[in-house]
Amino acid sequence: MLKAYKFYAHTSVWLYEMPKRRTTILVDDELWKRFLTYVVRKHGAAKKASIEVEAAVQEYLDRHEK
């Protein structure tokens, strides 16, 4: 498997990025609206929802995986 590196010009740094998987999930409508409201407040745009979903999954696994 090829490693994916991305160059961040504003920092002049190359960082390894894990490959991403596109997926579909079903979530309660009101829960999703609350989540997107949080994302927009934090990042200024709903487009950043993937970042927060990935962080939430990682945090959950860190707490529960043993």
N, C-alpha and C. Protein backbone atom coordinates (compact mmCIF):
# COMPACT_ATOMS: atom_id res chain seq x y z
N MET A 1 0.84 -1.18 0.00
CA MET A 1 0.00 0.00 0.00
C MET A 1 0.89 1.25 0.00
N LEU A 2 0.56 2.18 -0.84
CA LEU A 2 1.30 3.43 -0.91
C LEU A 2 0.91 4.34 0.24
N LYS A 3 1.87 4.98 0.81
CA LYS A 3 1.58 5.94 1.88
C LYS A 3 1.22 7.28 1.24
N ALA A 4 0.24 7.94 1.83
CA ALA A 4 -0.21 9.23 1.32
C ALA A 4 0.37 10.35 2.18
N TYR A 5 1.15 11.19 1.57
CA TYR A 5 1.70 12.35 2.25
C TYR A 5 1.12 13.61 1.64
N LYS A 6 0.87 14.59 2.46
CA LYS A 6 0.33 15.86 1.98
C LYS A 6 1.25 16.98 2.44
N PHE A 7 1.53 17.89 1.53
CA PHE A 7 2.40 19.02 1.83
C PHE A 7 1.54 20.20 2.28
N TYR A 8 1.84 20.74 3.44
CA TYR A 8 1.14 21.91 3.95
C TYR A 8 2.05 23.12 3.73
N ALA A 9 1.76 23.86 2.67
CA ALA A 9 2.63 24.96 2.24
C ALA A 9 2.79 26.03 3.31
N HIS A 10 1.73 26.31 4.06
CA HIS A 10 1.82 27.37 5.06
C HIS A 10 2.76 27.00 6.21
N THR A 11 3.07 25.70 6.35
CA THR A 11 4.01 25.28 7.40
C THR A 11 5.29 24.68 6.83
N SER A 12 5.31 24.47 5.51
CA SER A 12 6.44 23.82 4.83
C SER A 12 6.72 22.43 5.40
N VAL A 13 5.64 21.70 5.71
CA VAL A 13 5.78 20.37 6.32
C VAL A 13 5.01 19.34 5.50
N TRP A 14 5.60 18.16 5.35
CA TRP A 14 4.93 17.01 4.75
C TRP A 14 4.41 16.15 5.89
N LEU A 15 3.13 15.78 5.86
CA LEU A 15 2.55 14.93 6.89
C LEU A 15 1.91 13.71 6.25
N TYR A 16 2.03 12.56 6.94
CA TYR A 16 1.39 11.34 6.48
C TYR A 16 -0.11 11.44 6.75
N GLU A 17 -0.91 11.12 5.78
CA GLU A 17 -2.36 11.10 5.95
C GLU A 17 -2.87 9.69 5.73
N MET A 18 -3.66 9.22 6.66
CA MET A 18 -4.26 7.90 6.54
C MET A 18 -5.25 7.91 5.37
N PRO A 19 -5.34 6.80 4.63
CA PRO A 19 -6.34 6.73 3.56
C PRO A 19 -7.74 6.88 4.16
N LYS A 20 -8.64 7.49 3.44
CA LYS A 20 -10.00 7.73 3.92
C LYS A 20 -10.97 6.78 3.21
N ARG A 21 -12.04 6.44 3.90
CA ARG A 21 -13.11 5.61 3.34
C ARG A 21 -14.41 6.39 3.36
N ARG A 22 -15.05 6.46 2.20
CA ARG A 22 -16.36 7.11 2.11
C ARG A 22 -17.42 6.09 2.58
N THR A 23 -18.35 6.55 3.41
CA THR A 23 -19.36 5.65 3.93
C THR A 23 -20.68 6.37 4.09
N THR A 24 -21.74 5.62 4.31
CA THR A 24 -23.06 6.17 4.56
C THR A 24 -23.55 5.61 5.88
N ILE A 25 -24.10 6.48 6.72
CA ILE A 25 -24.66 6.04 8.00
C ILE A 25 -26.06 6.62 8.15
N LEU A 26 -26.87 5.98 8.95
CA LEU A 26 -28.20 6.49 9.27
C LEU A 26 -28.16 7.01 10.70
N VAL A 27 -28.54 8.28 10.87
CA VAL A 27 -28.50 8.93 12.18
C VAL A 27 -29.82 9.65 12.39
N ASP A 28 -30.30 9.62 13.62
CA ASP A 28 -31.52 10.34 13.98
C ASP A 28 -31.42 11.78 13.50
N ASP A 29 -32.47 12.28 12.88
CA ASP A 29 -32.45 13.61 12.26
C ASP A 29 -32.14 14.71 13.27
N GLU A 30 -32.78 14.69 14.43
CA GLU A 30 -32.53 15.73 15.43
C GLU A 30 -31.11 15.66 15.98
N LEU A 31 -30.59 14.46 16.18
CA LEU A 31 -29.21 14.30 16.64
C LEU A 31 -28.24 14.87 15.61
N TRP A 32 -28.48 14.59 14.33
CA TRP A 32 -27.60 15.10 13.27
C TRP A 32 -27.64 16.62 13.20
N LYS A 33 -28.83 17.20 13.35
CA LYS A 33 -28.95 18.67 13.34
C LYS A 33 -28.16 19.27 14.49
N ARG A 34 -28.24 18.68 15.68
CA ARG A 34 -27.47 19.16 16.83
C ARG A 34 -25.98 19.06 16.55
N PHE A 35 -25.58 17.93 15.96
CA PHE A 35 -24.17 17.72 15.64
C PHE A 35 -23.67 18.75 14.64
N LEU A 36 -24.43 18.98 13.57
CA LEU A 36 -24.02 19.96 12.56
C LEU A 36 -23.99 21.37 13.14
N THR A 37 -24.89 21.69 14.05
CA THR A 37 -24.85 22.99 14.71
C THR A 37 -23.54 23.14 15.47
N TYR A 38 -23.13 22.10 16.17
CA TYR A 38 -21.85 22.11 16.88
C TYR A 38 -20.69 22.31 15.91
N VAL A 39 -20.71 21.57 14.79
CA VAL A 39 -19.63 21.66 13.80
C VAL A 39 -19.53 23.07 13.23
N VAL A 40 -20.66 23.66 12.89
CA VAL A 40 -20.66 25.01 12.31
C VAL A 40 -20.15 26.03 13.33
N ARG A 41 -20.54 25.88 14.60
CA ARG A 41 -20.04 26.80 15.63
C ARG A 41 -18.53 26.68 15.79
N LYS A 42 -18.03 25.45 15.72
CA LYS A 42 -16.60 25.21 15.94
C LYS A 42 -15.76 25.59 14.73
N HIS A 43 -16.21 25.20 13.52
CA HIS A 43 -15.40 25.36 12.31
C HIS A 43 -15.90 26.43 11.35
N GLY A 44 -17.14 26.87 11.52
CA GLY A 44 -17.68 27.89 10.63
C GLY A 44 -18.32 27.33 9.38
N ALA A 45 -18.31 26.00 9.22
CA ALA A 45 -18.92 25.39 8.03
C ALA A 45 -19.26 23.92 8.32
N ALA A 46 -20.38 23.48 7.76
CA ALA A 46 -20.79 22.09 7.94
C ALA A 46 -19.89 21.12 7.17
N LYS A 47 -19.11 21.64 6.22
CA LYS A 47 -18.21 20.78 5.44
C LYS A 47 -17.18 20.08 6.31
N LYS A 48 -16.96 20.55 7.52
CA LYS A 48 -15.97 19.97 8.42
C LYS A 48 -16.55 18.84 9.26
N ALA A 49 -17.77 18.41 8.96
CA ALA A 49 -18.42 17.36 9.75
C ALA A 49 -17.60 16.07 9.76
N SER A 50 -16.96 15.74 8.65
CA SER A 50 -16.16 14.52 8.59
C SER A 50 -15.03 14.52 9.61
N ILE A 51 -14.42 15.68 9.81
CA ILE A 51 -13.34 15.79 10.79
C ILE A 51 -13.87 15.45 12.18
N GLU A 52 -15.04 15.98 12.52
CA GLU A 52 -15.61 15.75 13.84
C GLU A 52 -16.14 14.33 14.00
N VAL A 53 -16.70 13.75 12.94
CA VAL A 53 -17.16 12.36 13.01
C VAL A 53 -15.96 11.45 13.25
N GLU A 54 -14.88 11.66 12.51
CA GLU A 54 -13.68 10.84 12.69
C GLU A 54 -13.12 10.99 14.10
N ALA A 55 -13.10 12.22 14.62
CA ALA A 55 -12.61 12.44 15.98
C ALA A 55 -13.49 11.75 17.01
N ALA A 56 -14.80 11.78 16.80
CA ALA A 56 -15.73 11.14 17.73
C ALA A 56 -15.57 9.62 17.72
N VAL A 57 -15.40 9.03 16.54
CA VAL A 57 -15.18 7.59 16.44
C VAL A 57 -13.87 7.21 17.11
N GLN A 58 -12.82 7.99 16.86
CA GLN A 58 -11.52 7.71 17.48
C GLN A 58 -11.60 7.80 19.00
N GLU A 59 -12.26 8.83 19.51
CA GLU A 59 -12.40 9.00 20.96
C GLU A 59 -13.18 7.83 21.56
N TYR A 60 -14.26 7.43 20.89
CA TYR A 60 -15.07 6.30 21.37
C TYR A 60 -14.22 5.03 21.46
N LEU A 61 -13.47 4.74 20.40
CA LEU A 61 -12.64 3.53 20.40
C LEU A 61 -11.53 3.61 21.44
N ASP A 62 -10.94 4.78 21.61
CA ASP A 62 -9.89 4.95 22.63
C ASP A 62 -10.43 4.64 24.02
N ARG A 63 -11.66 5.00 24.26
CA ARG A 63 -12.29 4.78 25.58
C ARG A 63 -12.77 3.34 25.78
N HIS A 64 -13.23 2.69 24.71
CA HIS A 64 -13.92 1.41 24.86
C HIS A 64 -13.15 0.19 24.35
N GLU A 65 -12.16 0.39 23.55
CA GLU A 65 -11.40 -0.72 22.99
C GLU A 65 -10.31 -1.14 23.98
N LYS A 66 -10.28 -2.39 24.30
CA LYS A 66 -9.25 -2.86 25.24
C LYS A 66 -8.66 -4.15 24.78
